C-alpha atoms as a PDB file:
ATOM      1  CA  MET A   1     109.529 103.693  88.352  1.00  0.00           C
ATOM      2  CA  PRO A   2     108.935 100.449  90.216  1.00  0.00           C
ATOM      3  CA  ILE A   3     105.526 101.568  91.420  1.00  0.00           C
ATOM      4  CA  ARG A   4     102.199 101.869  89.638  1.00  0.00           C
ATOM      5  CA  ASP A   5      98.573 102.725  90.347  1.00  0.00           C
ATOM      6  CA  VAL A   6      99.741 105.249  92.933  1.00  0.00           C
ATOM      7  CA  GLN A   7      97.222 107.298  94.890  1.00  0.00           C
ATOM      8  CA  VAL A   8      98.349 110.175  97.099  1.00  0.00           C
ATOM      9  CA  ARG A   9      96.432 112.157  99.692  1.00  0.00           C
ATOM     10  CA  ILE A  10      97.755 115.203 101.528  1.00  0.00           C
ATOM     11  CA  ASN A  11      95.996 115.684 104.855  1.00  0.00           C
ATOM     12  CA  ASP A  12      95.186 118.946 106.622  1.00  0.00           C
ATOM     13  CA  ASP A  13      97.536 118.009 109.498  1.00  0.00           C
ATOM     14  CA  GLY A  14     100.599 118.000 107.200  1.00  0.00           C
ATOM     15  CA  THR A  15     100.806 114.240 106.820  1.00  0.00           C
ATOM     16  CA  GLY A  16     100.580 112.434 103.547  1.00  0.00           C
ATOM     17  CA  GLU A  17      99.359 109.012 102.511  1.00  0.00           C
ATOM     18  CA  ALA A  18     100.349 107.014  99.452  1.00  0.00           C
ATOM     19  CA  SER A  19      99.310 103.620  98.198  1.00  0.00           C
ATOM     20  CA  GLY A  20      99.952 101.620  95.075  1.00  0.00           C
ATOM     21  CA  ILE A  21     101.628  98.534  93.717  1.00  0.00           C
ATOM     22  CA  LEU A  22     105.358  97.829  94.129  1.00  0.00           C
ATOM     23  CA  GLU A  23     106.681  96.039  91.039  1.00  0.00           C
ATOM     24  CA  VAL A  24     109.361  93.816  92.540  1.00  0.00           C
ATOM     25  CA  SER A  25     111.158  92.893  89.291  1.00  0.00           C
ATOM     26  CA  THR A  26     111.174  96.515  88.114  1.00  0.00           C
ATOM     27  CA  ALA A  27     112.572  97.641  91.482  1.00  0.00           C
ATOM     28  CA  ILE A  28     115.546  95.310  91.072  1.00  0.00           C
ATOM     29  CA  MET A  29     116.264  96.624  87.552  1.00  0.00           C
ATOM     30  CA  MET A  30     115.900 100.222  88.728  1.00  0.00           C
ATOM     31  CA  ALA A  31     118.398  99.616  91.543  1.00  0.00           C
ATOM     32  CA  LYS A  32     121.046  99.010  88.875  1.00  0.00           C
ATOM     33  CA  GLN A  33     120.076 102.230  87.080  1.00  0.00           C
ATOM     34  CA  LEU A  34     120.381 104.118  90.373  1.00  0.00           C
ATOM     35  CA  ASN A  35     123.959 102.847  90.783  1.00  0.00           C
ATOM     36  CA  TYR A  36     123.411 100.620  93.793  1.00  0.00           C
ATOM     37  CA  SER A  37     126.258  98.156  94.312  1.00  0.00           C
ATOM     38  CA  ASP A  38     125.838  94.511  93.352  1.00  0.00           C
ATOM     39  CA  SER A  39     126.063  93.555  97.041  1.00  0.00           C
ATOM     40  CA  ASP A  40     123.248  95.985  97.927  1.00  0.00           C
ATOM     41  CA  ILE A  41     121.116  94.574  95.106  1.00  0.00           C
ATOM     42  CA  GLU A  42     121.758  90.993  96.240  1.00  0.00           C
ATOM     43  CA  LYS A  43     120.813  91.980  99.798  1.00  0.00           C
ATOM     44  CA  GLY A  44     117.559  93.479  98.511  1.00  0.00           C
ATOM     45  CA  LYS A  45     116.839  90.365  96.472  1.00  0.00           C
ATOM     46  CA  SER A  46     117.223  88.237  99.599  1.00  0.00           C
ATOM     47  CA  TYR A  47     114.338  90.126 101.214  1.00  0.00           C
ATOM     48  CA  VAL A  48     111.978  89.450  98.321  1.00  0.00           C
ATOM     49  CA  GLN A  49     113.101  85.985  97.233  1.00  0.00           C
ATOM     50  CA  TYR A  50     109.867  84.406  98.461  1.00  0.00           C
ATOM     51  CA  VAL A  51     107.618  86.983  96.794  1.00  0.00           C
ATOM     52  CA  ALA A  52     106.081  85.616  93.617  1.00  0.00           C
ATOM     53  CA  ASP A  53     104.353  88.768  92.430  1.00  0.00           C
ATOM     54  CA  ASP A  54     104.027  92.513  92.822  1.00  0.00           C
ATOM     55  CA  LEU A  55     102.980  93.829  96.224  1.00  0.00           C
ATOM     56  CA  PRO A  56     100.452  96.456  97.281  1.00  0.00           C
ATOM     57  CA  PHE A  57     101.870  99.090  99.622  1.00  0.00           C
ATOM     58  CA  TYR A  58     100.584 101.862 101.866  1.00  0.00           C
ATOM     59  CA  ILE A  59     102.571 104.523 103.693  1.00  0.00           C
ATOM     60  CA  LYS A  60     101.470 107.379 105.944  1.00  0.00           C
ATOM     61  CA  GLY A  61     103.588 110.051 107.568  1.00  0.00           C
ATOM     62  CA  VAL A  62     105.439 113.308 107.172  1.00  0.00           C
ATOM     63  CA  THR A  63     107.896 113.932 104.370  1.00  0.00           C
ATOM     64  CA  SER A  64     109.852 116.889 103.098  1.00  0.00           C
ATOM     65  CA  VAL A  65     112.691 117.745 100.754  1.00  0.00           C
ATOM     66  CA  SER A  66     115.327 120.411 101.335  1.00  0.00           C
ATOM     67  CA  ASN A  67     118.026 121.006  98.731  1.00  0.00           C
ATOM     68  CA  ASN A  68     117.373 117.586  97.160  1.00  0.00           C
ATOM     69  CA  LYS A  69     117.696 115.808 100.539  1.00  0.00           C
ATOM     70  CA  VAL A  70     114.601 113.757 101.361  1.00  0.00           C
ATOM     71  CA  SER A  71     113.321 113.391 104.912  1.00  0.00           C
ATOM     72  CA  MET A  72     110.686 110.735 105.622  1.00  0.00           C
ATOM     73  CA  ASN A  73     109.083 110.111 108.993  1.00  0.00           C
ATOM     74  CA  PRO A  74     106.386 107.488 108.421  1.00  0.00           C
ATOM     75  CA  SER A  75     103.927 106.571 111.135  1.00  0.00           C
ATOM     76  CA  GLU A  76     102.793 103.458 109.247  1.00  0.00           C
ATOM     77  CA  ILE A  77     104.036 101.276 106.395  1.00  0.00           C
ATOM     78  CA  VAL A  78     102.075  98.305 105.081  1.00  0.00           C
ATOM     79  CA  ILE A  79     103.529  95.973 102.437  1.00  0.00           C
ATOM     80  CA  GLY A  80     101.245  93.260 101.162  1.00  0.00           C
ATOM     81  CA  ARG A  81      98.948  92.715 104.097  1.00  0.00           C
ATOM     82  CA  ILE A  82     101.708  93.119 106.660  1.00  0.00           C
ATOM     83  CA  THR A  83     102.069  96.254 108.768  1.00  0.00           C
ATOM     84  CA  LEU A  84     105.789  96.682 109.294  1.00  0.00           C
ATOM     85  CA  PRO A  85     106.924  96.599 112.908  1.00  0.00           C
ATOM     86  CA  GLU A  86     108.373  99.813 114.288  1.00  0.00           C
ATOM     87  CA  SER A  87     111.877  98.328 114.122  1.00  0.00           C
ATOM     88  CA  LEU A  88     111.629  98.166 110.304  1.00  0.00           C
ATOM     89  CA  VAL A  89     109.845 101.459 109.605  1.00  0.00           C
ATOM     90  CA  SER A  90     112.955 103.638 109.943  1.00  0.00           C
ATOM     91  CA  PRO A  91     115.244 101.449 107.780  1.00  0.00           C
ATOM     92  CA  VAL A  92     112.582 101.193 105.056  1.00  0.00           C
ATOM     93  CA  ALA A  93     112.017 104.976 105.185  1.00  0.00           C
ATOM     94  CA  LYS A  94     115.765 105.589 104.941  1.00  0.00           C
ATOM     95  CA  ALA A  95     116.077 103.273 101.926  1.00  0.00           C
ATOM     96  CA  SER A  96     113.037 104.893 100.268  1.00  0.00           C
ATOM     97  CA  ALA A  97     114.457 108.389 100.809  1.00  0.00           C
ATOM     98  CA  ASP A  98     117.774 107.280  99.298  1.00  0.00           C
ATOM     99  CA  ILE A  99     116.005 105.923  96.204  1.00  0.00           C
ATOM    100  CA  ILE A 100     114.114 109.204  95.736  1.00  0.00           C
ATOM    101  CA  GLU A 101     117.286 111.284  96.207  1.00  0.00           C
ATOM    102  CA  ARG A 102     119.163 109.179  93.665  1.00  0.00           C
ATOM    103  CA  ARG A 103     116.324 109.646  91.154  1.00  0.00           C
ATOM    104  CA  ILE A 104     116.155 113.413  91.784  1.00  0.00           C
ATOM    105  CA  ASN A 105     119.891 113.659  91.136  1.00  0.00           C
ATOM    106  CA  GLN A 106     119.554 111.803  87.813  1.00  0.00           C
ATOM    107  CA  ILE A 107     117.178 114.391  86.354  1.00  0.00           C
ATOM    108  CA  PRO A 108     119.141 117.177  84.648  1.00  0.00           C
ATOM    109  CA  GLY A 109     117.980 120.619  85.713  1.00  0.00           C
ATOM    110  CA  LEU A 110     115.935 119.439  88.711  1.00  0.00           C
ATOM    111  CA  ASN A 111     116.735 121.162  91.992  1.00  0.00           C
ATOM    112  CA  VAL A 112     114.151 120.760  94.752  1.00  0.00           C
ATOM    113  CA  LYS A 113     114.932 123.609  97.119  1.00  0.00           C
ATOM    114  CA  GLU A 114     111.943 122.944  99.380  1.00  0.00           C
ATOM    115  CA  LEU A 115     109.002 120.553  99.400  1.00  0.00           C
ATOM    116  CA  THR A 116     106.597 120.287 102.315  1.00  0.00           C
ATOM    117  CA  LEU A 117     103.084 119.030 102.947  1.00  0.00           C
ATOM    118  CA  GLU A 118     100.901 121.798 104.370  1.00  0.00           C
ATOM    119  CA  LYS A 119      97.165 122.159 104.955  1.00  0.00           C
ATOM    120  CA  GLY A 120      96.151 119.498 102.464  1.00  0.00           C
ATOM    121  CA  ALA A 121      98.539 120.630  99.723  1.00  0.00           C
ATOM    122  CA  VAL A 122     102.091 120.211  98.485  1.00  0.00           C
ATOM    123  CA  HIS A 123     104.248 123.330  98.790  1.00  0.00           C
ATOM    124  CA  ILE A 124     107.228 123.175  96.425  1.00  0.00           C
ATOM    125  CA  VAL A 125     110.011 125.556  95.485  1.00  0.00           C
ATOM    126  CA  ALA A 126     112.144 124.054  92.743  1.00  0.00           C
ATOM    127  CA  ASP A 127     113.948 124.556  89.478  1.00  0.00           C
ATOM    128  CA  MET A 128     112.507 122.027  87.039  1.00  0.00           C
ATOM    129  CA  PRO A 129     113.184 121.106  83.426  1.00  0.00           C
ATOM    130  CA  ASP A 130     110.366 121.466  80.911  1.00  0.00           C
ATOM    131  CA  THR A 131     110.123 117.680  80.545  1.00  0.00           C
ATOM    132  CA  VAL A 132     111.301 114.672  82.527  1.00  0.00           C
ATOM    133  CA  LYS A 133     111.858 111.256  80.961  1.00  0.00           C
END
């Protein structure tokens, strides 16, 4: 995965928070493994061409999964030290959900029927393999 040092908190109000480090070079390699087109990868590279290193990130909001379809509704996304403007939050959330869905679909035997954040906990109903590599 192109992220490391991830910390997750599930809040009592059903929101979640996650922070960690986005490994830019690993993200580009993973895009190929997730079958993104070369044009999509080049577009992504254009956004990070001036970034010399990995970036810290923070995201807060509501997320759920239903039949392997990810829904993300973030209230805040911070990359580096920049809080994304509202106009970018939805496109970034959509791209993030797509990445997660593609990864879910690559894991044989994984079927996430339902995943929600409730009362400070993750509620999940899924068929899962014994191990995931």
